[in-house]
Amino acid sequence: MHRVRFAIVTALVALGSLAPWSAGAAPPHAGTAASSPDAAPININTADVKELMKLEGVGRRVAEKIVEYRDTHGPFKKAEELRKVEGVGNGLWERNRTRIVIK
């Protein structure tokens, strides 16, 4: 009896791991950045915390750190300098680099 239960539980776990999301949920990156209303470019030299939070993966604390970094070090000279801000890792940079601008 225990073997049958174990086999059933094992099969259900295996089947569940095949689908990265539930059938009713949207895939993790549904749509493209271009189709999203928040996909507009963000000027990291003038954006406030609220505007920086429109970048994918940027929460309030990271947005605040971006503003603090800019206030301390002056305006960003290159968009890539954003990677020096604590909390801005490779993943966040790669997801947003086409939207990050310097003006």
N, C-alpha and C. Protein backbone atom coordinates (compact mmCIF):
# COMPACT_ATOMS: atom_id res chain seq x y z
N MET A 1 0.81 -1.19 0.00
CA MET A 1 0.00 0.00 0.00
C MET A 1 0.86 1.26 0.00
N HIS A 2 1.93 1.24 0.82
CA HIS A 2 2.82 2.40 0.87
C HIS A 2 3.56 2.58 -0.45
N ARG A 3 3.89 1.49 -1.11
CA ARG A 3 4.58 1.59 -2.39
C ARG A 3 3.70 2.23 -3.45
N VAL A 4 2.42 1.91 -3.41
CA VAL A 4 1.49 2.48 -4.38
C VAL A 4 1.36 3.99 -4.14
N ARG A 5 1.20 4.39 -2.89
CA ARG A 5 1.12 5.82 -2.56
C ARG A 5 2.41 6.54 -2.97
N PHE A 6 3.53 5.92 -2.68
CA PHE A 6 4.81 6.52 -3.03
C PHE A 6 4.92 6.68 -4.55
N ALA A 7 4.50 5.68 -5.29
CA ALA A 7 4.56 5.75 -6.75
C ALA A 7 3.66 6.85 -7.28
N ILE A 8 2.47 6.99 -6.70
CA ILE A 8 1.55 8.03 -7.14
C ILE A 8 2.11 9.41 -6.84
N VAL A 9 2.61 9.60 -5.63
CA VAL A 9 3.18 10.89 -5.25
C VAL A 9 4.38 11.22 -6.13
N THR A 10 5.23 10.25 -6.38
CA THR A 10 6.40 10.46 -7.24
C THR A 10 5.97 10.85 -8.65
N ALA A 11 4.96 10.19 -9.19
CA ALA A 11 4.48 10.51 -10.54
C ALA A 11 3.90 11.93 -10.58
N LEU A 12 3.15 12.31 -9.56
CA LEU A 12 2.58 13.65 -9.53
C LEU A 12 3.66 14.73 -9.43
N VAL A 13 4.67 14.49 -8.64
CA VAL A 13 5.77 15.43 -8.52
C VAL A 13 6.50 15.56 -9.85
N ALA A 14 6.74 14.44 -10.50
CA ALA A 14 7.43 14.46 -11.80
C ALA A 14 6.61 15.21 -12.83
N LEU A 15 5.32 14.98 -12.88
CA LEU A 15 4.47 15.69 -13.84
C LEU A 15 4.39 17.18 -13.53
N GLY A 16 4.34 17.51 -12.26
CA GLY A 16 4.30 18.92 -11.86
C GLY A 16 5.56 19.67 -12.23
N SER A 17 6.68 19.00 -12.24
CA SER A 17 7.94 19.68 -12.56
C SER A 17 8.11 19.91 -14.06
N LEU A 18 7.27 19.28 -14.88
CA LEU A 18 7.37 19.48 -16.32
C LEU A 18 6.83 20.83 -16.75
N ALA A 19 5.83 21.36 -16.03
CA ALA A 19 5.24 22.65 -16.37
C ALA A 19 5.83 23.71 -15.46
N PRO A 20 6.52 24.72 -16.01
CA PRO A 20 7.13 25.75 -15.18
C PRO A 20 6.12 26.68 -14.52
N TRP A 21 4.87 26.67 -14.96
CA TRP A 21 3.84 27.48 -14.34
C TRP A 21 2.53 26.72 -14.42
N SER A 22 1.57 27.12 -13.64
CA SER A 22 0.28 26.43 -13.64
C SER A 22 -0.45 26.72 -14.94
N ALA A 23 -1.36 25.85 -15.30
CA ALA A 23 -2.06 25.96 -16.58
C ALA A 23 -2.83 27.27 -16.71
N GLY A 24 -3.35 27.79 -15.61
CA GLY A 24 -4.14 29.01 -15.67
C GLY A 24 -3.31 30.28 -15.62
N ALA A 25 -2.06 30.18 -15.27
CA ALA A 25 -1.22 31.36 -15.12
C ALA A 25 -0.49 31.69 -16.42
N ALA A 26 -0.16 32.92 -16.57
CA ALA A 26 0.62 33.34 -17.74
C ALA A 26 2.07 32.92 -17.56
N PRO A 27 2.80 32.69 -18.64
CA PRO A 27 4.21 32.37 -18.52
C PRO A 27 4.95 33.53 -17.87
N PRO A 28 6.12 33.26 -17.25
CA PRO A 28 6.84 34.30 -16.51
C PRO A 28 7.13 35.56 -17.30
N HIS A 29 7.44 35.46 -18.57
CA HIS A 29 7.78 36.65 -19.36
C HIS A 29 6.83 36.79 -20.53
N ALA A 30 5.54 36.72 -20.25
CA ALA A 30 4.55 36.84 -21.30
C ALA A 30 4.63 38.23 -21.93
N GLY A 31 4.55 38.28 -23.23
CA GLY A 31 4.60 39.56 -23.93
C GLY A 31 6.02 40.06 -24.08
N THR A 32 6.16 41.11 -24.85
CA THR A 32 7.48 41.70 -25.02
C THR A 32 7.50 43.06 -24.36
N ALA A 33 8.67 43.55 -24.10
CA ALA A 33 8.81 44.86 -23.47
C ALA A 33 8.19 45.94 -24.34
N ALA A 34 8.25 45.77 -25.65
CA ALA A 34 7.73 46.78 -26.56
C ALA A 34 6.21 46.89 -26.48
N SER A 35 5.53 45.80 -26.08
CA SER A 35 4.08 45.83 -26.04
C SER A 35 3.56 46.34 -24.70
N SER A 36 4.40 46.49 -23.73
CA SER A 36 3.99 46.95 -22.41
C SER A 36 3.94 48.47 -22.37
N PRO A 37 2.92 49.03 -21.68
CA PRO A 37 2.85 50.49 -21.61
C PRO A 37 4.01 51.09 -20.80
N ASP A 38 4.61 50.29 -19.93
CA ASP A 38 5.73 50.78 -19.13
C ASP A 38 7.08 50.56 -19.82
N ALA A 39 7.08 50.20 -21.11
CA ALA A 39 8.31 49.88 -21.81
C ALA A 39 9.03 51.12 -22.34
N ALA A 40 8.58 52.28 -21.98
CA ALA A 40 9.21 53.51 -22.43
C ALA A 40 10.63 53.60 -21.85
N PRO A 41 11.53 54.24 -22.58
CA PRO A 41 12.89 54.42 -22.05
C PRO A 41 12.88 55.20 -20.74
N ILE A 42 13.83 54.87 -19.87
CA ILE A 42 13.96 55.55 -18.59
C ILE A 42 15.32 56.23 -18.55
N ASN A 43 15.31 57.56 -18.40
CA ASN A 43 16.55 58.31 -18.27
C ASN A 43 17.00 58.21 -16.82
N ILE A 44 18.05 57.45 -16.57
CA ILE A 44 18.48 57.22 -15.19
C ILE A 44 19.13 58.44 -14.55
N ASN A 45 19.37 59.48 -15.33
CA ASN A 45 19.91 60.72 -14.75
C ASN A 45 18.83 61.67 -14.25
N THR A 46 17.60 61.47 -14.69
CA THR A 46 16.52 62.37 -14.27
C THR A 46 15.36 61.65 -13.60
N ALA A 47 15.31 60.34 -13.70
CA ALA A 47 14.17 59.59 -13.17
C ALA A 47 14.13 59.63 -11.65
N ASP A 48 12.92 59.77 -11.12
CA ASP A 48 12.75 59.69 -9.67
C ASP A 48 12.51 58.23 -9.29
N VAL A 49 12.35 58.00 -8.00
CA VAL A 49 12.19 56.63 -7.49
C VAL A 49 11.01 55.94 -8.16
N LYS A 50 9.89 56.62 -8.25
CA LYS A 50 8.69 56.02 -8.84
C LYS A 50 8.91 55.62 -10.29
N GLU A 51 9.57 56.46 -11.05
CA GLU A 51 9.83 56.15 -12.45
C GLU A 51 10.83 55.00 -12.59
N LEU A 52 11.86 54.98 -11.75
CA LEU A 52 12.85 53.89 -11.80
C LEU A 52 12.20 52.54 -11.46
N MET A 53 11.16 52.56 -10.64
CA MET A 53 10.47 51.33 -10.28
C MET A 53 9.70 50.72 -11.44
N LYS A 54 9.58 51.43 -12.55
CA LYS A 54 8.94 50.89 -13.76
C LYS A 54 9.87 49.92 -14.49
N LEU A 55 11.16 49.94 -14.15
CA LEU A 55 12.09 48.98 -14.73
C LEU A 55 11.81 47.61 -14.13
N GLU A 56 11.89 46.58 -14.94
CA GLU A 56 11.61 45.23 -14.48
C GLU A 56 12.59 44.80 -13.40
N GLY A 57 12.05 44.39 -12.26
CA GLY A 57 12.88 43.90 -11.18
C GLY A 57 13.40 44.97 -10.23
N VAL A 58 13.03 46.23 -10.47
CA VAL A 58 13.49 47.32 -9.60
C VAL A 58 12.37 47.67 -8.62
N GLY A 59 12.63 47.39 -7.36
CA GLY A 59 11.70 47.74 -6.30
C GLY A 59 12.09 49.08 -5.70
N ARG A 60 11.36 49.48 -4.69
CA ARG A 60 11.60 50.78 -4.07
C ARG A 60 13.03 50.93 -3.56
N ARG A 61 13.55 49.91 -2.87
CA ARG A 61 14.89 50.04 -2.27
C ARG A 61 15.98 50.19 -3.34
N VAL A 62 15.92 49.41 -4.40
CA VAL A 62 16.93 49.53 -5.47
C VAL A 62 16.79 50.88 -6.16
N ALA A 63 15.57 51.32 -6.39
CA ALA A 63 15.36 52.64 -7.01
C ALA A 63 15.96 53.73 -6.13
N GLU A 64 15.76 53.62 -4.82
CA GLU A 64 16.34 54.61 -3.90
C GLU A 64 17.86 54.57 -3.95
N LYS A 65 18.43 53.38 -4.06
CA LYS A 65 19.90 53.26 -4.14
C LYS A 65 20.42 53.88 -5.43
N ILE A 66 19.67 53.76 -6.51
CA ILE A 66 20.08 54.38 -7.78
C ILE A 66 20.12 55.91 -7.61
N VAL A 67 19.09 56.46 -7.00
CA VAL A 67 19.04 57.92 -6.78
C VAL A 67 20.15 58.35 -5.84
N GLU A 68 20.38 57.59 -4.77
CA GLU A 68 21.46 57.91 -3.82
C GLU A 68 22.82 57.88 -4.52
N TYR A 69 23.05 56.87 -5.36
CA TYR A 69 24.31 56.75 -6.08
C TYR A 69 24.50 57.97 -6.99
N ARG A 70 23.44 58.33 -7.70
CA ARG A 70 23.50 59.48 -8.61
C ARG A 70 23.76 60.77 -7.85
N ASP A 71 23.12 60.93 -6.69
CA ASP A 71 23.33 62.13 -5.88
C ASP A 71 24.76 62.21 -5.35
N THR A 72 25.34 61.06 -5.02
CA THR A 72 26.69 61.01 -4.46
C THR A 72 27.77 61.17 -5.52
N HIS A 73 27.60 60.49 -6.66
CA HIS A 73 28.64 60.43 -7.69
C HIS A 73 28.40 61.33 -8.90
N GLY A 74 27.27 62.00 -8.94
CA GLY A 74 26.95 62.83 -10.09
C GLY A 74 26.22 62.02 -11.14
N PRO A 75 25.84 62.67 -12.23
CA PRO A 75 25.08 61.98 -13.27
C PRO A 75 25.88 60.82 -13.88
N PHE A 76 25.14 59.82 -14.31
CA PHE A 76 25.77 58.69 -15.00
C PHE A 76 26.30 59.17 -16.34
N LYS A 77 27.51 58.77 -16.68
CA LYS A 77 28.10 59.13 -17.98
C LYS A 77 27.77 58.09 -19.04
N LYS A 78 27.64 56.84 -18.62
CA LYS A 78 27.26 55.74 -19.51
C LYS A 78 26.19 54.92 -18.80
N ALA A 79 25.28 54.36 -19.56
CA ALA A 79 24.21 53.55 -18.97
C ALA A 79 24.78 52.38 -18.18
N GLU A 80 25.89 51.83 -18.62
CA GLU A 80 26.50 50.67 -17.96
C GLU A 80 26.94 50.96 -16.53
N GLU A 81 27.14 52.24 -16.21
CA GLU A 81 27.53 52.61 -14.85
C GLU A 81 26.48 52.22 -13.83
N LEU A 82 25.26 52.04 -14.27
CA LEU A 82 24.19 51.63 -13.38
C LEU A 82 24.53 50.32 -12.66
N ARG A 83 25.34 49.50 -13.29
CA ARG A 83 25.72 48.21 -12.71
C ARG A 83 26.58 48.37 -11.45
N LYS A 84 27.11 49.57 -11.22
CA LYS A 84 27.89 49.82 -10.01
C LYS A 84 27.02 50.00 -8.78
N VAL A 85 25.73 50.21 -8.99
CA VAL A 85 24.80 50.44 -7.88
C VAL A 85 24.51 49.10 -7.20
N GLU A 86 24.62 49.11 -5.87
CA GLU A 86 24.32 47.90 -5.11
C GLU A 86 22.88 47.48 -5.36
N GLY A 87 22.68 46.22 -5.71
CA GLY A 87 21.35 45.70 -6.00
C GLY A 87 21.05 45.59 -7.47
N VAL A 88 21.90 46.17 -8.31
CA VAL A 88 21.72 46.06 -9.76
C VAL A 88 22.70 45.00 -10.25
N GLY A 89 22.19 43.80 -10.44
CA GLY A 89 23.02 42.71 -10.90
C GLY A 89 22.91 42.49 -12.40
N ASN A 90 23.57 41.46 -12.87
CA ASN A 90 23.57 41.16 -14.31
C ASN A 90 22.17 40.91 -14.85
N GLY A 91 21.37 40.16 -14.09
CA GLY A 91 20.02 39.84 -14.55
C GLY A 91 19.16 41.07 -14.73
N LEU A 92 19.17 41.94 -13.74
CA LEU A 92 18.39 43.17 -13.81
C LEU A 92 18.87 44.03 -14.97
N TRP A 93 20.17 44.13 -15.12
CA TRP A 93 20.74 44.91 -16.22
C TRP A 93 20.30 44.35 -17.57
N GLU A 94 20.42 43.04 -17.76
CA GLU A 94 20.08 42.43 -19.04
C GLU A 94 18.60 42.59 -19.38
N ARG A 95 17.73 42.49 -18.38
CA ARG A 95 16.29 42.64 -18.63
C ARG A 95 15.90 44.06 -19.03
N ASN A 96 16.70 45.04 -18.64
CA ASN A 96 16.31 46.44 -18.83
C ASN A 96 17.23 47.26 -19.71
N ARG A 97 18.33 46.72 -20.14
CA ARG A 97 19.35 47.56 -20.79
C ARG A 97 18.87 48.28 -22.04
N THR A 98 17.88 47.74 -22.74
CA THR A 98 17.37 48.44 -23.92
C THR A 98 16.51 49.63 -23.56
N ARG A 99 16.05 49.69 -22.31
CA ARG A 99 15.19 50.80 -21.86
C ARG A 99 15.95 51.86 -21.09
N ILE A 100 17.17 51.58 -20.68
CA ILE A 100 17.94 52.51 -19.86
C ILE A 100 18.68 53.48 -20.78
N VAL A 101 18.43 54.77 -20.59
CA VAL A 101 19.08 55.78 -21.43
C VAL A 101 19.73 56.84 -20.56
N ILE A 102 20.65 57.56 -21.18
CA ILE A 102 21.34 58.70 -20.57
C ILE A 102 21.08 59.89 -21.47
N LYS A 103 20.57 60.96 -20.88
CA LYS A 103 20.35 62.18 -21.68
C LYS A 103 20.87 63.36 -20.92
